[in-house]
Protein backbone atom coordinates (compact mmCIF):
# COMPACT_ATOMS: atom_id res chain seq x y z
CA GLY A 1 26.11 26.47 -77.24
CA MET A 2 25.60 28.71 -74.24
CA MET A 3 27.24 32.13 -74.21
CA SER A 4 28.67 33.81 -71.16
CA THR A 5 27.19 37.13 -70.09
CA ALA A 6 30.43 38.78 -71.22
CA ASP A 7 29.37 38.07 -74.82
CA ILE A 8 26.00 39.83 -74.43
CA SER A 9 27.29 42.82 -76.45
CA GLN A 10 27.52 40.67 -79.58
CA CYS A 11 25.03 38.70 -81.65
CA ALA A 12 24.86 35.08 -80.43
CA ALA A 13 24.46 33.81 -84.00
CA CYS A 14 26.90 35.81 -86.17
CA GLY A 15 29.19 37.47 -83.60
CA ASN A 16 28.40 40.96 -84.88
CA LYS A 17 29.09 43.58 -82.19
CA GLY A 18 25.88 45.57 -82.62
CA GLY A 19 25.85 47.38 -79.27
CA ASP A 20 22.49 48.96 -78.50
CA ASP A 21 20.93 47.77 -81.76
CA LEU A 22 20.92 44.12 -80.65
CA LYS A 23 17.63 42.68 -79.35
CA ALA A 24 17.62 40.31 -76.35
CA CYS A 25 15.88 36.93 -76.55
CA ALA A 26 12.43 37.75 -75.12
CA ALA A 27 12.07 34.43 -73.28
CA CYS A 28 15.38 34.13 -71.41
CA LYS A 29 17.14 37.52 -71.72
CA LEU A 30 20.46 35.60 -71.83
CA VAL A 31 21.53 36.29 -75.42
CA LYS A 32 21.08 39.00 -78.07
CA TYR A 33 20.58 38.97 -81.84
CA CYS A 34 20.92 41.35 -84.80
CA ASN A 35 17.51 40.37 -86.13
CA VAL A 36 14.94 37.56 -86.53
CA THR A 37 17.12 35.81 -89.16
CA CYS A 38 20.02 35.48 -86.70
CA GLN A 39 17.63 34.36 -83.97
CA LYS A 40 16.18 31.61 -86.21
CA ALA A 41 19.68 30.45 -87.24
CA HIS A 42 20.67 30.08 -83.56
CA ARG A 43 17.44 28.50 -82.34
CA SER A 44 18.54 24.84 -82.37
CA ASN A 45 21.69 25.67 -80.34
CA HIS A 46 19.87 27.90 -77.92
CA LYS A 47 16.50 26.16 -77.42
CA LYS A 48 17.37 23.95 -74.43
CA GLU A 49 19.18 26.65 -72.44
CA CYS A 50 16.48 29.17 -73.30
CA LYS A 51 13.71 26.88 -72.03
CA ARG A 52 15.56 26.20 -68.78
CA ARG A 53 16.22 29.89 -68.07
CA ALA A 54 12.68 30.95 -69.06
CA ALA A 55 11.31 28.40 -66.55
CA GLU A 56 13.66 29.78 -63.87
CA LEU A 57 12.52 33.35 -64.53
CA PHE A 58 8.87 32.28 -64.41
CA ASP A 59 9.38 30.53 -61.06
CA GLU A 60 11.13 33.57 -59.63
CA ALA A 61 8.06 35.64 -60.52
CA LEU A 62 5.65 32.93 -59.33
CA PHE A 63 7.17 32.40 -55.89
CA GLN A 64 8.22 35.94 -55.03
CA GLN A 65 6.50 37.86 -52.23
CA PRO A 66 2.95 38.51 -53.51
CA PRO A 67 1.78 42.11 -53.96
CA PRO A 68 -0.09 43.72 -51.04
CA LYS A 69 -3.74 42.79 -50.56
CA GLU A 70 -6.50 44.99 -51.92
CA TYR A 71 -8.05 47.38 -49.41
CA CYS A 72 -11.63 48.41 -48.69
CA PRO A 73 -11.92 52.06 -49.84
CA ILE A 74 -13.90 53.02 -46.71
CA CYS A 75 -12.19 51.41 -43.69
CA PHE A 76 -8.81 50.93 -45.45
CA LEU A 77 -8.42 47.40 -44.04
CA PRO A 78 -7.27 44.61 -46.37
CA LEU A 79 -10.22 42.77 -47.96
CA GLN A 80 -10.96 39.27 -46.70
CA PHE A 81 -11.12 36.20 -48.97
CA GLY A 82 -14.36 34.90 -50.43
CA PRO A 83 -17.56 36.37 -51.94
CA GLU A 84 -19.40 36.55 -48.60
CA TYR A 85 -16.87 39.11 -47.32
CA ILE A 86 -17.12 41.66 -50.14
CA LYS A 87 -19.67 43.41 -52.33
CA TYR A 88 -19.20 45.12 -55.67
CA TYR A 89 -21.09 48.35 -56.40
CA PRO A 90 -21.43 49.14 -60.14
CA CYS A 91 -22.41 52.77 -59.38
CA CYS A 92 -18.84 53.71 -58.39
CA MET A 93 -16.92 50.50 -59.34
CA LYS A 94 -15.87 49.93 -55.72
CA VAL A 95 -15.46 46.58 -53.98
CA ILE A 96 -16.46 47.17 -50.36
CA CYS A 97 -15.99 44.93 -47.32
CA SER A 98 -18.94 43.27 -45.58
CA GLY A 99 -18.25 45.29 -42.41
CA CYS A 100 -18.75 48.67 -44.13
CA VAL A 101 -21.80 47.38 -46.03
CA TYR A 102 -23.30 46.11 -42.76
CA ALA A 103 -22.49 49.37 -40.90
CA VAL A 104 -24.50 51.38 -43.47
CA GLU A 105 -27.38 48.88 -43.52
CA ALA A 106 -27.54 48.81 -39.70
CA GLY A 107 -28.02 52.58 -39.60
CA MET A 108 -30.89 52.58 -42.12
CA THR A 109 -34.57 52.61 -41.22
CA SER A 110 -35.68 51.24 -44.62
CA SER A 111 -34.33 48.11 -46.32
CA LEU A 112 -33.04 50.19 -49.26
CA SER A 113 -29.62 51.35 -48.10
CA PRO A 114 -27.52 53.49 -50.49
CA CYS A 115 -24.04 52.60 -51.75
CA PRO A 116 -21.71 52.93 -48.71
CA PHE A 117 -19.11 54.75 -50.84
CA CYS A 118 -20.86 57.14 -53.24
CA ARG A 119 -24.34 57.16 -51.65
CA THR A 120 -26.10 56.28 -54.93
CA PRO A 121 -29.60 55.04 -54.02
CA THR A 122 -29.99 51.27 -54.07
CA HIS A 123 -31.63 49.69 -57.11
CA THR A 124 -35.34 49.01 -56.87
CA SER A 125 -35.50 46.16 -59.41
CA ASN A 126 -33.43 43.34 -60.90
CA GLU A 127 -33.54 45.11 -64.26
CA GLU A 128 -31.93 48.18 -62.70
CA VAL A 129 -29.03 46.09 -61.31
CA ILE A 130 -28.41 44.47 -64.70
CA GLU A 131 -28.71 47.86 -66.43
CA ARG A 132 -26.06 49.34 -64.08
CA CYS A 133 -23.76 46.39 -64.73
CA LYS A 134 -24.14 46.71 -68.49
CA LYS A 135 -23.38 50.42 -68.31
CA ARG A 136 -20.14 49.64 -66.47
CA MET A 137 -19.36 46.86 -68.97
CA GLU A 138 -19.51 49.41 -71.78
CA ALA A 139 -16.74 51.26 -69.91
CA ASN A 140 -14.71 48.00 -69.79
CA ASP A 141 -15.03 47.58 -66.03
CA ALA A 142 -13.90 43.99 -65.40
CA GLU A 143 -15.77 43.67 -62.07
CA ALA A 144 -19.06 44.41 -63.85
CA PHE A 145 -18.44 41.46 -66.22
CA ILE A 146 -17.70 39.26 -63.17
CA THR A 147 -20.87 40.42 -61.37
CA LEU A 148 -23.04 39.60 -64.39
CA ALA A 149 -21.18 36.27 -64.72
CA SER A 150 -22.09 35.44 -61.11
CA PHE A 151 -25.79 36.19 -61.81
CA TYR A 152 -25.75 33.76 -64.76
CA HIS A 153 -23.78 31.23 -62.71
CA GLU A 154 -26.38 31.20 -59.92
CA GLY A 155 -29.46 32.06 -62.01
CA GLU A 156 -30.02 35.24 -59.98
CA MET A 157 -31.60 38.67 -60.67
CA GLY A 158 -34.24 37.08 -62.87
CA LEU A 159 -31.64 35.70 -65.29
CA PRO A 160 -31.58 32.03 -66.36
CA LYS A 161 -28.77 29.82 -65.05
CA ASP A 162 -26.29 29.74 -67.93
CA LEU A 163 -22.79 28.46 -67.14
CA LYS A 164 -21.53 28.93 -70.70
CA LYS A 165 -22.49 32.61 -70.62
CA SER A 166 -20.96 32.96 -67.16
CA ILE A 167 -17.61 31.56 -68.37
CA GLY A 168 -17.68 33.81 -71.46
CA LEU A 169 -18.12 36.91 -69.27
CA CYS A 170 -15.29 35.79 -66.97
CA MET A 171 -13.05 35.29 -70.03
CA ARG A 172 -13.75 38.88 -71.07
CA ALA A 173 -12.92 40.15 -67.58
CA ALA A 174 -9.65 38.16 -67.66
CA GLU A 175 -8.78 39.74 -71.03
CA LEU A 176 -9.28 43.11 -69.34
CA GLY A 177 -6.61 42.07 -66.83
CA SER A 178 -8.78 41.09 -63.86
CA ILE A 179 -6.94 38.99 -61.27
CA HIS A 180 -10.28 37.94 -59.77
CA ALA A 181 -11.49 36.62 -63.17
CA HIS A 182 -8.29 34.59 -63.64
CA TYR A 183 -8.92 32.96 -60.27
CA LEU A 184 -12.59 32.20 -61.12
CA LEU A 185 -11.55 30.60 -64.44
CA GLY A 186 -8.84 28.58 -62.67
CA GLN A 187 -11.43 27.31 -60.20
CA ALA A 188 -13.91 26.52 -62.99
CA TYR A 189 -11.35 24.42 -64.91
CA TYR A 190 -10.23 22.73 -61.68
CA ASP A 191 -13.80 21.75 -60.71
CA GLY A 192 -15.18 21.28 -64.24
CA ASP A 193 -17.80 23.95 -63.51
CA GLY A 194 -19.30 25.11 -66.82
CA VAL A 195 -16.24 23.83 -68.72
CA GLU A 196 -14.50 20.48 -69.23
CA LYS A 197 -12.12 19.73 -66.35
CA ASP A 198 -8.64 20.78 -67.47
CA MET A 199 -5.79 20.86 -64.95
CA LYS A 200 -3.41 22.54 -67.39
CA LYS A 201 -5.79 25.45 -67.93
CA ALA A 202 -6.62 25.54 -64.21
CA GLU A 203 -2.91 25.88 -63.49
CA HIS A 204 -2.44 28.61 -66.12
CA TYR A 205 -5.26 30.80 -64.77
CA CYS A 206 -4.40 30.16 -61.10
CA GLU A 207 -0.73 31.06 -61.72
CA ARG A 208 -1.72 34.40 -63.23
CA ALA A 209 -4.12 35.07 -60.35
CA ALA A 210 -1.60 34.04 -57.67
CA MET A 211 1.08 36.32 -59.15
CA GLY A 212 -1.46 39.12 -58.92
CA GLY A 213 -1.95 38.38 -55.22
CA ASN A 214 -5.05 36.14 -55.21
CA VAL A 215 -4.60 33.93 -52.14
CA ILE A 216 -7.24 31.28 -52.91
CA ALA A 217 -5.73 30.77 -56.39
CA ARG A 218 -2.39 30.23 -54.61
CA HIS A 219 -4.04 27.54 -52.47
CA TYR A 220 -5.41 25.83 -55.61
CA LEU A 221 -1.88 25.81 -57.07
CA GLY A 222 -0.73 23.96 -53.97
CA LEU A 223 -3.45 21.36 -54.54
CA LEU A 224 -2.56 21.07 -58.24
CA GLU A 225 1.15 20.59 -57.53
CA GLY A 226 0.64 18.23 -54.58
CA ILE A 227 -2.37 16.10 -55.46
CA HIS A 228 -2.29 16.10 -59.26
CA LYS A 229 1.44 16.34 -60.01
CA SER A 230 3.10 14.98 -56.85
CA ASN A 231 5.51 17.97 -56.75
CA HIS A 232 5.39 18.15 -52.97
CA ASN A 233 8.09 20.76 -52.56
CA ARG A 234 6.37 23.19 -54.94
CA ALA A 235 3.01 22.41 -53.32
CA LYS A 236 4.44 23.25 -49.89
CA LYS A 237 5.78 26.61 -51.15
CA HIS A 238 2.39 27.63 -52.53
CA ILE A 239 0.39 26.48 -49.50
CA MET A 240 2.81 28.26 -47.17
CA ILE A 241 2.47 31.58 -49.05
CA ALA A 242 -1.35 31.32 -48.86
CA ALA A 243 -1.31 30.34 -45.16
CA ARG A 244 0.98 33.26 -44.31
CA ALA A 245 -1.39 35.60 -46.15
CA GLY A 246 -4.10 34.49 -43.70
CA TYR A 247 -5.96 31.74 -45.59
CA ASP A 248 -7.36 29.22 -43.06
CA ASN A 249 -7.62 26.20 -45.39
CA SER A 250 -3.93 26.56 -46.25
CA LEU A 251 -2.98 26.78 -42.58
CA LYS A 252 -4.87 23.53 -41.90
CA MET A 253 -2.84 21.85 -44.67
CA ILE A 254 0.44 23.20 -43.28
CA ARG A 255 -0.56 21.83 -39.87
CA ASP A 256 -1.16 18.40 -41.46
CA MET A 257 2.16 18.62 -43.34
CA PHE A 258 3.91 19.46 -40.07
CA THR A 259 2.31 16.47 -38.32
CA ALA A 260 3.38 14.24 -41.22
CA GLY A 261 6.94 15.60 -41.03
CA HIS A 262 6.95 17.46 -44.38
CA VAL A 263 7.20 20.91 -42.75
CA THR A 264 9.87 21.80 -40.18
CA LYS A 265 8.99 23.14 -36.71
CA GLU A 266 10.51 26.51 -37.64
CA GLU A 267 8.55 26.73 -40.92
CA TYR A 268 5.35 25.85 -39.08
CA GLU A 269 5.91 28.42 -36.32
CA THR A 270 6.75 31.31 -38.70
CA THR A 271 3.72 30.41 -40.85
CA LEU A 272 1.48 30.33 -37.77
CA ARG A 273 2.69 33.77 -36.67
CA ALA A 274 2.36 35.30 -40.16
CA HIS A 275 -1.14 33.82 -40.52
CA LYS A 276 -2.22 35.40 -37.22
CA ASP A 277 -0.75 38.79 -38.22
CA SER A 278 -2.58 38.66 -41.59
CA GLN A 279 -5.84 37.68 -39.88
CA ASP A 280 -5.49 40.49 -37.31
CA GLU A 281 -4.92 43.00 -40.15
CA MET A 282 -8.25 42.00 -41.72
CA LYS A 283 -10.29 42.03 -38.51
CA SER A 284 -12.77 44.67 -37.33
CA ASP A 285 -15.83 44.67 -35.07
CA TRP A 286 -18.14 45.52 -37.96
CA ARG A 287 -16.73 42.68 -40.06
CA ASP A 288 -17.19 40.20 -37.20
CA THR A 289 -20.81 41.38 -36.72
CA ALA A 290 -21.48 41.20 -40.47
CA ILE A 291 -20.16 37.66 -40.83
CA ALA A 292 -22.08 36.50 -37.73
CA ALA A 293 -25.28 37.93 -39.28
CA PHE A 294 -24.43 36.25 -42.63
CA LEU A 295 -23.93 32.85 -40.94
CA LYS A 296 -27.15 33.26 -38.93
CA ARG A 297 -29.07 34.04 -42.15
CA ARG A 298 -27.51 31.04 -43.90
CA THR A 299 -28.39 28.58 -41.13
CA SER A 300 -31.98 29.86 -40.98
CA LEU A 301 -32.51 29.30 -44.74
């Protein structure tokens, strides 16, 4: 059966008082054992309690205040969400906001603007871009794997469209610990983009990304819990965290939940305020100009 925390100084299986030599159960941290033999002997008694506590610990980690957002290394403002707001430069491994990219490009007389951070001259060919990425990949730079994955995903830079290759590169970036790659894989499994649709895998990757601070992955978790699993309370928690971090789609959902009576007036108001604060933190004149130019380009295509 379950042991009280007072018994943590002795082995849960044989009662041996081993002091510092005892090893805690890795999953639940509730009990300790002399060795693997004792742990195996106690498994049938401990399994249920262990599972329950491990799930509790995981939820604590999942729903705690997310880590601070990543910053642009030039203007030091938090980065916005979505690929149109950021650009990766393989020359110096920096992810730079659209505002700083636009500010450099606006001041250039030729179309070949250098890297806004390290001033490396811009590539002159597709081959050069791919070469730079591959060089960074040799140094195990996860963002370089993601950049090459995006070229294969869209069939850009003279490369063929190859979703399988794109997923493989994202997997490698995730193995290197990239939060961004975990989110991309979560989205791919959610949408069935280059892989078979798999909500369990989508949830796994999105959970890892959300714990690392990825706000869009957090939004996807809300959709998974609400739409696919009907766990509306968990869905609300996720969507609220994403809305408070400044994600517009999540705020729209919280507004709908409030109208439907699933979110209290107080919850809605604090979320609204936090969303505005997060948005204000990410705003700058250059970023506004850059996104206006991006939208103008997109509508003229």
